[in-house]
Structures are given as C-alpha cells and as structure tokens.
Amino acid sequence: MSEETNGLPWTDNYLLGYTPMDDTHREFVDVVNAMLTCADDELAGNVRAFIEHAEKHFADEKAWMEASDFPATDCHVDDHNAVLGSAREVEPLVAAGNIAIGREFAAELARWFPGHADYLDSALAHWLVKKSAGGKPVVLRRKVTLPE
C-alpha cells in the first residue's frame, strides 16, 4: 500500500443531499477503501467487486440523468466511462500478479472521487432534488474535515 493513500474513509464531506446517491457513494468509498487496504492476495477480488459496483453505480446515475433531462449528462457519463474503462484494463493485470498497478489505480480513484463528487455529482444531486422537491438539497454533516 502506498504511503500517499492509507485508505479512503467515509466522511460526511461526501454527502450531497440526494439519499440514493449518498448511499451509493458510501458503497463506492467502501469498495475503493477495500482495494487500498486489503492484503495483496485479495486485491484481484476487490478490483472485480469495484467493477461490479461501478457498473451499477454509473448505470443508476445515468438513468437518473436521462429520466430528468440533466443538461450535463454527456460530460458526466464520459467521466464514468473513463473510470470504468480504466478498471477493466487494470483487472487482468492485477489478476496476472501486477499488484502495484492495482494499488495505483485504487489510489487514483481515491484522488478522483472527491472532485467528481464535488463538481459533477453535486450538480446532479441539486438537479434531482430541485426536480423532485422544488428546492435545494439539505445536507446535515457531522465531523466535517476541512482541507488545510
């Protein structure tokens, strides 16, 4: 495991105020954290679990975008497709014993997720709540950590 990333713990900083998305993001953090912290002999299985999670996660968000006519659908879906494409390239390499590439991929996901959630997913959450409830998301966060 790299010294740069010792895991990806859940923080309420990731809450966006759209419960189905927040629940999916908790699962995302769990599967990425598993890739970052597992034993080497468990990494291939955790990469597979990430791919299975991402396929459903990204399909759900795409369905929400399409059903609500979200304006930035193409950009958001392109970002998801790039992540899933990378995961599918990494999987056979890890299965063949290249643990380092799997750890690098997991660390990159840990760096990618906060920005993706803050920018693309927060816009989608705002859009979905506005469409369904006519207002902005309400988010109650506990133990928020602010960047230094």
N, C-alpha and C. Protein backbone atom coordinates (compact mmCIF):
# COMPACT_ATOMS: atom_id res chain seq x y z
N MET A 1 0.85 -1.17 0.00
CA MET A 1 0.00 0.00 0.00
C MET A 1 0.90 1.24 0.00
N SER A 2 0.54 2.25 -0.75
CA SER A 2 1.38 3.44 -0.83
C SER A 2 1.24 4.27 0.43
N GLU A 3 2.31 5.01 0.72
CA GLU A 3 2.25 5.90 1.87
C GLU A 3 1.33 7.07 1.60
N GLU A 4 1.14 7.40 0.33
CA GLU A 4 0.33 8.55 -0.06
C GLU A 4 -1.14 8.34 0.30
N THR A 5 -1.62 7.12 0.19
CA THR A 5 -3.02 6.85 0.47
C THR A 5 -3.12 5.67 1.42
N ASN A 6 -3.62 5.91 2.62
CA ASN A 6 -3.77 4.85 3.60
C ASN A 6 -5.21 4.39 3.70
N GLY A 7 -5.98 4.62 2.71
CA GLY A 7 -7.38 4.25 2.71
C GLY A 7 -8.22 5.43 2.28
N LEU A 8 -9.49 5.16 2.14
CA LEU A 8 -10.46 6.20 1.77
C LEU A 8 -11.62 6.08 2.73
N PRO A 9 -11.48 6.65 3.93
CA PRO A 9 -12.57 6.54 4.89
C PRO A 9 -13.75 7.43 4.48
N TRP A 10 -14.94 7.01 4.87
CA TRP A 10 -16.13 7.83 4.62
C TRP A 10 -16.06 9.07 5.50
N THR A 11 -16.47 10.17 4.94
CA THR A 11 -16.64 11.41 5.68
C THR A 11 -17.94 12.05 5.20
N ASP A 12 -18.61 12.75 6.09
CA ASP A 12 -19.84 13.45 5.70
C ASP A 12 -19.57 14.56 4.69
N ASN A 13 -18.31 14.88 4.44
CA ASN A 13 -17.99 15.83 3.37
C ASN A 13 -18.55 15.34 2.04
N TYR A 14 -18.71 14.02 1.90
CA TYR A 14 -19.18 13.45 0.63
C TYR A 14 -20.69 13.48 0.47
N LEU A 15 -21.44 13.83 1.52
CA LEU A 15 -22.90 13.87 1.42
C LEU A 15 -23.34 14.98 0.49
N LEU A 16 -24.32 14.67 -0.39
CA LEU A 16 -24.80 15.64 -1.37
C LEU A 16 -26.27 15.98 -1.21
N GLY A 17 -27.00 15.24 -0.39
CA GLY A 17 -28.39 15.57 -0.14
C GLY A 17 -29.40 14.86 -1.01
N TYR A 18 -28.95 13.91 -1.80
CA TYR A 18 -29.86 13.05 -2.57
C TYR A 18 -29.58 11.64 -2.07
N THR A 19 -30.47 11.12 -1.24
CA THR A 19 -30.20 9.89 -0.48
C THR A 19 -29.75 8.71 -1.33
N PRO A 20 -30.41 8.40 -2.45
CA PRO A 20 -29.92 7.25 -3.23
C PRO A 20 -28.47 7.42 -3.69
N MET A 21 -28.10 8.64 -4.05
CA MET A 21 -26.72 8.90 -4.47
C MET A 21 -25.78 8.83 -3.28
N ASP A 22 -26.18 9.39 -2.15
CA ASP A 22 -25.34 9.33 -0.95
C ASP A 22 -25.10 7.88 -0.53
N ASP A 23 -26.13 7.05 -0.61
CA ASP A 23 -25.98 5.64 -0.25
C ASP A 23 -25.01 4.94 -1.20
N THR A 24 -25.13 5.22 -2.49
CA THR A 24 -24.24 4.63 -3.48
C THR A 24 -22.80 5.10 -3.27
N HIS A 25 -22.65 6.35 -2.90
CA HIS A 25 -21.30 6.87 -2.65
C HIS A 25 -20.66 6.24 -1.42
N ARG A 26 -21.45 5.91 -0.42
CA ARG A 26 -20.91 5.18 0.74
C ARG A 26 -20.36 3.82 0.28
N GLU A 27 -21.11 3.15 -0.58
CA GLU A 27 -20.65 1.86 -1.12
C GLU A 27 -19.38 2.05 -1.94
N PHE A 28 -19.33 3.10 -2.75
CA PHE A 28 -18.15 3.39 -3.57
C PHE A 28 -16.92 3.53 -2.67
N VAL A 29 -17.06 4.35 -1.63
CA VAL A 29 -15.95 4.55 -0.69
C VAL A 29 -15.54 3.23 -0.07
N ASP A 30 -16.50 2.40 0.30
CA ASP A 30 -16.18 1.10 0.89
C ASP A 30 -15.38 0.21 -0.06
N VAL A 31 -15.80 0.14 -1.34
CA VAL A 31 -15.09 -0.75 -2.27
C VAL A 31 -13.71 -0.21 -2.63
N VAL A 32 -13.58 1.11 -2.74
CA VAL A 32 -12.25 1.68 -3.00
C VAL A 32 -11.36 1.48 -1.78
N ASN A 33 -11.91 1.72 -0.61
CA ASN A 33 -11.13 1.51 0.61
C ASN A 33 -10.66 0.06 0.72
N ALA A 34 -11.51 -0.87 0.32
CA ALA A 34 -11.11 -2.28 0.35
C ALA A 34 -9.91 -2.53 -0.56
N MET A 35 -9.90 -1.90 -1.74
CA MET A 35 -8.76 -2.07 -2.65
C MET A 35 -7.49 -1.47 -2.07
N LEU A 36 -7.64 -0.38 -1.33
CA LEU A 36 -6.48 0.31 -0.77
C LEU A 36 -5.89 -0.41 0.44
N THR A 37 -6.71 -1.14 1.17
CA THR A 37 -6.26 -1.67 2.46
C THR A 37 -6.17 -3.19 2.54
N CYS A 38 -6.62 -3.89 1.51
CA CYS A 38 -6.65 -5.36 1.57
C CYS A 38 -5.26 -5.96 1.42
N ALA A 39 -5.17 -7.23 1.77
CA ALA A 39 -3.95 -8.00 1.52
C ALA A 39 -3.77 -8.16 0.01
N ASP A 40 -2.54 -8.33 -0.42
CA ASP A 40 -2.26 -8.45 -1.85
C ASP A 40 -3.06 -9.57 -2.50
N ASP A 41 -3.24 -10.69 -1.82
CA ASP A 41 -3.95 -11.81 -2.42
C ASP A 41 -5.47 -11.58 -2.52
N GLU A 42 -5.95 -10.50 -1.94
CA GLU A 42 -7.38 -10.15 -2.03
C GLU A 42 -7.65 -9.05 -3.06
N LEU A 43 -6.58 -8.47 -3.61
CA LEU A 43 -6.76 -7.30 -4.48
C LEU A 43 -7.54 -7.62 -5.75
N ALA A 44 -7.25 -8.73 -6.40
CA ALA A 44 -7.96 -9.06 -7.64
C ALA A 44 -9.47 -9.16 -7.40
N GLY A 45 -9.86 -9.79 -6.33
CA GLY A 45 -11.28 -9.90 -6.00
C GLY A 45 -11.90 -8.55 -5.69
N ASN A 46 -11.13 -7.68 -5.06
CA ASN A 46 -11.65 -6.34 -4.76
C ASN A 46 -11.73 -5.46 -6.00
N VAL A 47 -10.84 -5.65 -6.95
CA VAL A 47 -10.96 -4.93 -8.23
C VAL A 47 -12.23 -5.40 -8.94
N ARG A 48 -12.49 -6.69 -8.94
CA ARG A 48 -13.71 -7.23 -9.54
C ARG A 48 -14.94 -6.65 -8.83
N ALA A 49 -14.91 -6.57 -7.50
CA ALA A 49 -16.02 -6.00 -6.74
C ALA A 49 -16.21 -4.52 -7.09
N PHE A 50 -15.10 -3.81 -7.31
CA PHE A 50 -15.22 -2.40 -7.71
C PHE A 50 -15.91 -2.29 -9.06
N ILE A 51 -15.50 -3.11 -10.01
CA ILE A 51 -16.11 -3.05 -11.35
C ILE A 51 -17.60 -3.32 -11.26
N GLU A 52 -17.98 -4.33 -10.51
CA GLU A 52 -19.41 -4.65 -10.36
C GLU A 52 -20.16 -3.49 -9.71
N HIS A 53 -19.55 -2.89 -8.69
CA HIS A 53 -20.17 -1.73 -8.06
C HIS A 53 -20.29 -0.58 -9.06
N ALA A 54 -19.20 -0.27 -9.75
CA ALA A 54 -19.18 0.88 -10.66
C ALA A 54 -20.18 0.71 -11.79
N GLU A 55 -20.32 -0.50 -12.31
CA GLU A 55 -21.29 -0.71 -13.38
C GLU A 55 -22.69 -0.32 -12.93
N LYS A 56 -23.09 -0.75 -11.74
CA LYS A 56 -24.42 -0.41 -11.23
C LYS A 56 -24.51 1.05 -10.84
N HIS A 57 -23.51 1.54 -10.12
CA HIS A 57 -23.45 2.93 -9.67
C HIS A 57 -23.59 3.88 -10.86
N PHE A 58 -22.78 3.68 -11.87
CA PHE A 58 -22.77 4.58 -13.01
C PHE A 58 -24.05 4.42 -13.85
N ALA A 59 -24.57 3.21 -13.95
CA ALA A 59 -25.83 2.99 -14.68
C ALA A 59 -26.99 3.68 -13.96
N ASP A 60 -27.01 3.60 -12.64
CA ASP A 60 -28.06 4.27 -11.87
C ASP A 60 -28.01 5.78 -12.10
N GLU A 61 -26.82 6.36 -12.00
CA GLU A 61 -26.71 7.80 -12.20
C GLU A 61 -27.09 8.18 -13.62
N LYS A 62 -26.70 7.39 -14.59
CA LYS A 62 -27.07 7.68 -15.98
C LYS A 62 -28.59 7.63 -16.15
N ALA A 63 -29.22 6.67 -15.54
CA ALA A 63 -30.69 6.57 -15.62
C ALA A 63 -31.35 7.79 -14.98
N TRP A 64 -30.82 8.23 -13.84
CA TRP A 64 -31.37 9.43 -13.19
C TRP A 64 -31.20 10.65 -14.10
N MET A 65 -30.05 10.76 -14.73
CA MET A 65 -29.78 11.90 -15.61
C MET A 65 -30.72 11.89 -16.80
N GLU A 66 -30.87 10.73 -17.42
CA GLU A 66 -31.72 10.64 -18.61
C GLU A 66 -33.19 10.87 -18.25
N ALA A 67 -33.64 10.33 -17.13
CA ALA A 67 -35.04 10.48 -16.73
C ALA A 67 -35.38 11.93 -16.38
N SER A 68 -34.38 12.69 -15.95
CA SER A 68 -34.63 14.06 -15.51
C SER A 68 -34.15 15.12 -16.51
N ASP A 69 -33.65 14.67 -17.67
CA ASP A 69 -33.11 15.60 -18.68
C ASP A 69 -31.99 16.48 -18.13
N PHE A 70 -31.10 15.87 -17.38
CA PHE A 70 -29.96 16.59 -16.80
C PHE A 70 -29.09 17.17 -17.92
N PRO A 71 -28.81 18.47 -17.89
CA PRO A 71 -28.09 19.10 -19.00
C PRO A 71 -26.65 18.60 -19.22
N ALA A 72 -25.96 18.19 -18.17
CA ALA A 72 -24.56 17.79 -18.30
C ALA A 72 -24.38 16.27 -18.37
N THR A 73 -25.38 15.58 -18.87
CA THR A 73 -25.33 14.12 -18.92
C THR A 73 -24.10 13.60 -19.66
N ASP A 74 -23.83 14.13 -20.85
CA ASP A 74 -22.73 13.60 -21.66
C ASP A 74 -21.39 13.71 -20.95
N CYS A 75 -21.11 14.84 -20.36
CA CYS A 75 -19.85 15.05 -19.65
C CYS A 75 -19.73 14.09 -18.47
N HIS A 76 -20.81 13.95 -17.73
CA HIS A 76 -20.82 13.09 -16.54
C HIS A 76 -20.62 11.63 -16.94
N VAL A 77 -21.34 11.19 -17.95
CA VAL A 77 -21.23 9.80 -18.42
C VAL A 77 -19.83 9.54 -18.98
N ASP A 78 -19.26 10.51 -19.68
CA ASP A 78 -17.89 10.34 -20.20
C ASP A 78 -16.89 10.12 -19.07
N ASP A 79 -17.06 10.85 -17.97
CA ASP A 79 -16.17 10.69 -16.82
C ASP A 79 -16.31 9.28 -16.24
N HIS A 80 -17.54 8.83 -16.09
CA HIS A 80 -17.78 7.47 -15.59
C HIS A 80 -17.18 6.42 -16.54
N ASN A 81 -17.38 6.61 -17.84
CA ASN A 81 -16.87 5.64 -18.81
C ASN A 81 -15.35 5.53 -18.76
N ALA A 82 -14.68 6.66 -18.54
CA ALA A 82 -13.22 6.64 -18.43
C ALA A 82 -12.78 5.82 -17.22
N VAL A 83 -13.46 6.01 -16.10
CA VAL A 83 -13.11 5.25 -14.88
C VAL A 83 -13.35 3.77 -15.10
N LEU A 84 -14.51 3.43 -15.63
CA LEU A 84 -14.83 2.02 -15.84
C LEU A 84 -13.89 1.38 -16.87
N GLY A 85 -13.55 2.13 -17.91
CA GLY A 85 -12.59 1.63 -18.90
C GLY A 85 -11.24 1.33 -18.27
N SER A 86 -10.78 2.23 -17.42
CA SER A 86 -9.50 2.01 -16.73
C SER A 86 -9.58 0.78 -15.83
N ALA A 87 -10.68 0.64 -15.12
CA ALA A 87 -10.85 -0.52 -14.23
C ALA A 87 -10.78 -1.82 -15.02
N ARG A 88 -11.40 -1.82 -16.17
CA ARG A 88 -11.41 -3.04 -17.00
C ARG A 88 -10.03 -3.33 -17.60
N GLU A 89 -9.22 -2.31 -17.78
CA GLU A 89 -7.84 -2.53 -18.23
C GLU A 89 -6.95 -3.04 -17.09
N VAL A 90 -7.21 -2.55 -15.90
CA VAL A 90 -6.39 -2.92 -14.74
C VAL A 90 -6.69 -4.34 -14.27
N GLU A 91 -7.95 -4.75 -14.36
CA GLU A 91 -8.35 -6.05 -13.80
C GLU A 91 -7.48 -7.22 -14.26
N PRO A 92 -7.27 -7.43 -15.57
CA PRO A 92 -6.45 -8.59 -15.95
C PRO A 92 -4.99 -8.45 -15.53
N LEU A 93 -4.51 -7.23 -15.43
CA LEU A 93 -3.13 -7.03 -14.99
C LEU A 93 -2.96 -7.45 -13.53
N VAL A 94 -3.94 -7.07 -12.71
CA VAL A 94 -3.90 -7.46 -11.29
C VAL A 94 -4.06 -8.98 -11.16
N ALA A 95 -4.96 -9.54 -11.95
CA ALA A 95 -5.17 -11.00 -11.92
C ALA A 95 -3.90 -11.75 -12.30
N ALA A 96 -3.07 -11.12 -13.15
CA ALA A 96 -1.81 -11.74 -13.56
C ALA A 96 -0.68 -11.47 -12.57
N GLY A 97 -0.99 -10.76 -11.47
CA GLY A 97 0.01 -10.57 -10.43
C GLY A 97 0.58 -9.17 -10.30
N ASN A 98 0.12 -8.23 -11.13
CA ASN A 98 0.64 -6.87 -11.04
C ASN A 98 -0.12 -6.11 -9.95
N ILE A 99 0.29 -6.32 -8.73
CA ILE A 99 -0.36 -5.71 -7.57
C ILE A 99 -0.15 -4.20 -7.58
N ALA A 100 1.03 -3.75 -8.00
CA ALA A 100 1.35 -2.32 -7.98
C ALA A 100 0.37 -1.52 -8.82
N ILE A 101 0.01 -2.01 -10.00
CA ILE A 101 -0.91 -1.26 -10.86
C ILE A 101 -2.30 -1.19 -10.22
N GLY A 102 -2.70 -2.25 -9.54
CA GLY A 102 -3.98 -2.24 -8.84
C GLY A 102 -3.99 -1.24 -7.70
N ARG A 103 -2.90 -1.17 -6.96
CA ARG A 103 -2.80 -0.19 -5.86
C ARG A 103 -2.78 1.23 -6.41
N GLU A 104 -2.06 1.44 -7.52
CA GLU A 104 -2.02 2.77 -8.14
C GLU A 104 -3.41 3.19 -8.62
N PHE A 105 -4.13 2.24 -9.21
CA PHE A 105 -5.49 2.53 -9.68
C PHE A 105 -6.39 2.91 -8.50
N ALA A 106 -6.32 2.15 -7.42
CA ALA A 106 -7.14 2.44 -6.24
C ALA A 106 -6.79 3.81 -5.67
N ALA A 107 -5.50 4.14 -5.61
CA ALA A 107 -5.08 5.45 -5.11
C ALA A 107 -5.59 6.56 -6.02
N GLU A 108 -5.59 6.32 -7.31
CA GLU A 108 -6.11 7.32 -8.24
C GLU A 108 -7.61 7.51 -8.06
N LEU A 109 -8.34 6.43 -7.82
CA LEU A 109 -9.77 6.55 -7.53
C LEU A 109 -10.00 7.39 -6.27
N ALA A 110 -9.16 7.19 -5.26
CA ALA A 110 -9.29 7.95 -4.01
C ALA A 110 -9.02 9.44 -4.24
N ARG A 111 -8.16 9.76 -5.19
CA ARG A 111 -7.91 11.16 -5.53
C ARG A 111 -9.02 11.72 -6.41
N TRP A 112 -9.55 10.90 -7.31
CA TRP A 112 -10.57 11.32 -8.27
C TRP A 112 -11.93 11.57 -7.62
N PHE A 113 -12.33 10.69 -6.73
CA PHE A 113 -13.70 10.73 -6.22
C PHE A 113 -14.12 12.05 -5.57
N PRO A 114 -13.33 12.64 -4.66
CA PRO A 114 -13.81 13.88 -4.03
C PRO A 114 -14.11 14.99 -5.04
N GLY A 115 -13.27 15.15 -6.04
CA GLY A 115 -13.51 16.18 -7.05
C GLY A 115 -14.71 15.87 -7.91
N HIS A 116 -14.85 14.62 -8.30
CA HIS A 116 -16.01 14.21 -9.10
C HIS A 116 -17.30 14.44 -8.31
N ALA A 117 -17.30 14.06 -7.05
CA ALA A 117 -18.49 14.24 -6.22
C ALA A 117 -18.80 15.72 -6.02
N ASP A 118 -17.76 16.52 -5.75
CA ASP A 118 -17.96 17.95 -5.51
C ASP A 118 -18.47 18.68 -6.74
N TYR A 119 -18.03 18.27 -7.90
CA TYR A 119 -18.36 19.01 -9.12
C TYR A 119 -19.54 18.38 -9.87
N LEU A 120 -19.35 17.20 -10.40
CA LEU A 120 -20.39 16.61 -11.24
C LEU A 120 -21.55 16.03 -10.44
N ASP A 121 -21.24 15.27 -9.40
CA ASP A 121 -22.33 14.64 -8.63
C ASP A 121 -23.13 15.65 -7.83
N SER A 122 -22.48 16.68 -7.30
CA SER A 122 -23.25 17.67 -6.54
C SER A 122 -24.21 18.42 -7.45
N ALA A 123 -23.80 18.69 -8.68
CA ALA A 123 -24.71 19.34 -9.63
C ALA A 123 -25.89 18.42 -9.94
N LEU A 124 -25.63 17.15 -10.10
CA LEU A 124 -26.71 16.19 -10.36
C LEU A 124 -27.64 16.08 -9.16
N ALA A 125 -27.09 16.00 -7.96
CA ALA A 125 -27.92 15.91 -6.76
C ALA A 125 -28.82 17.14 -6.64
N HIS A 126 -28.23 18.30 -6.88
CA HIS A 126 -29.00 19.55 -6.82
C HIS A 126 -30.14 19.50 -7.85
N TRP A 127 -29.84 19.08 -9.04
CA TRP A 127 -30.82 18.98 -10.12
C TRP A 127 -31.95 18.02 -9.76
N LEU A 128 -31.58 16.86 -9.25
CA LEU A 128 -32.59 15.84 -8.92
C LEU A 128 -33.51 16.29 -7.79
N VAL A 129 -32.93 16.93 -6.78
CA VAL A 129 -33.76 17.41 -5.66
C VAL A 129 -34.66 18.54 -6.14
N LYS A 130 -34.13 19.43 -6.96
CA LYS A 130 -34.94 20.53 -7.50
C LYS A 130 -36.10 19.98 -8.31
N LYS A 131 -35.82 18.96 -9.13
CA LYS A 131 -36.87 18.36 -9.97
C LYS A 131 -37.93 17.66 -9.12
N SER A 132 -37.50 16.97 -8.08
CA SER A 132 -38.45 16.16 -7.30
C SER A 132 -39.11 16.91 -6.15
N ALA A 133 -38.40 17.88 -5.56
CA ALA A 133 -38.94 18.56 -4.38
C ALA A 133 -39.08 20.07 -4.55
N GLY A 134 -38.60 20.58 -5.67
CA GLY A 134 -38.73 22.00 -5.93
C GLY A 134 -37.79 22.90 -5.15
N GLY A 135 -36.75 22.34 -4.56
CA GLY A 135 -35.81 23.13 -3.77
C GLY A 135 -34.41 22.58 -3.85
N LYS A 136 -33.56 23.09 -2.99
CA LYS A 136 -32.17 22.66 -2.92
C LYS A 136 -32.01 21.51 -1.93
N PRO A 137 -30.99 20.68 -2.12
CA PRO A 137 -30.73 19.62 -1.14
C PRO A 137 -30.39 20.19 0.23
N VAL A 138 -30.84 19.50 1.25
CA VAL A 138 -30.47 19.84 2.61
C VAL A 138 -29.51 18.76 3.08
N VAL A 139 -28.35 19.19 3.52
CA VAL A 139 -27.31 18.24 3.93
C VAL A 139 -26.89 18.57 5.36
N LEU A 140 -27.01 17.59 6.23
CA LEU A 140 -26.52 17.72 7.60
C LEU A 140 -25.26 16.89 7.71
N ARG A 141 -24.15 17.56 7.97
CA ARG A 141 -22.86 16.87 8.03
C ARG A 141 -22.34 16.88 9.46
N ARG A 142 -21.78 15.73 9.86
CA ARG A 142 -21.13 15.60 11.15
C ARG A 142 -19.66 15.39 10.94
N LYS A 143 -18.88 15.91 11.86
CA LYS A 143 -17.43 15.68 11.84
C LYS A 143 -16.81 16.01 10.49
N VAL A 144 -17.14 17.16 9.96
CA VAL A 144 -16.61 17.58 8.67
C VAL A 144 -15.16 18.00 8.85
N THR A 145 -14.32 17.56 7.92
CA THR A 145 -12.94 17.98 7.93
C THR A 145 -12.74 18.93 6.77
N LEU A 146 -12.08 20.01 7.03
CA LEU A 146 -11.82 21.00 6.00
C LEU A 146 -10.39 20.86 5.52
N PRO A 147 -10.17 21.07 4.22
CA PRO A 147 -8.79 20.99 3.72
C PRO A 147 -7.93 22.05 4.37
N GLU A 148 -6.69 21.68 4.63
CA GLU A 148 -5.77 22.65 5.27
C GLU A 148 -5.12 23.51 4.25
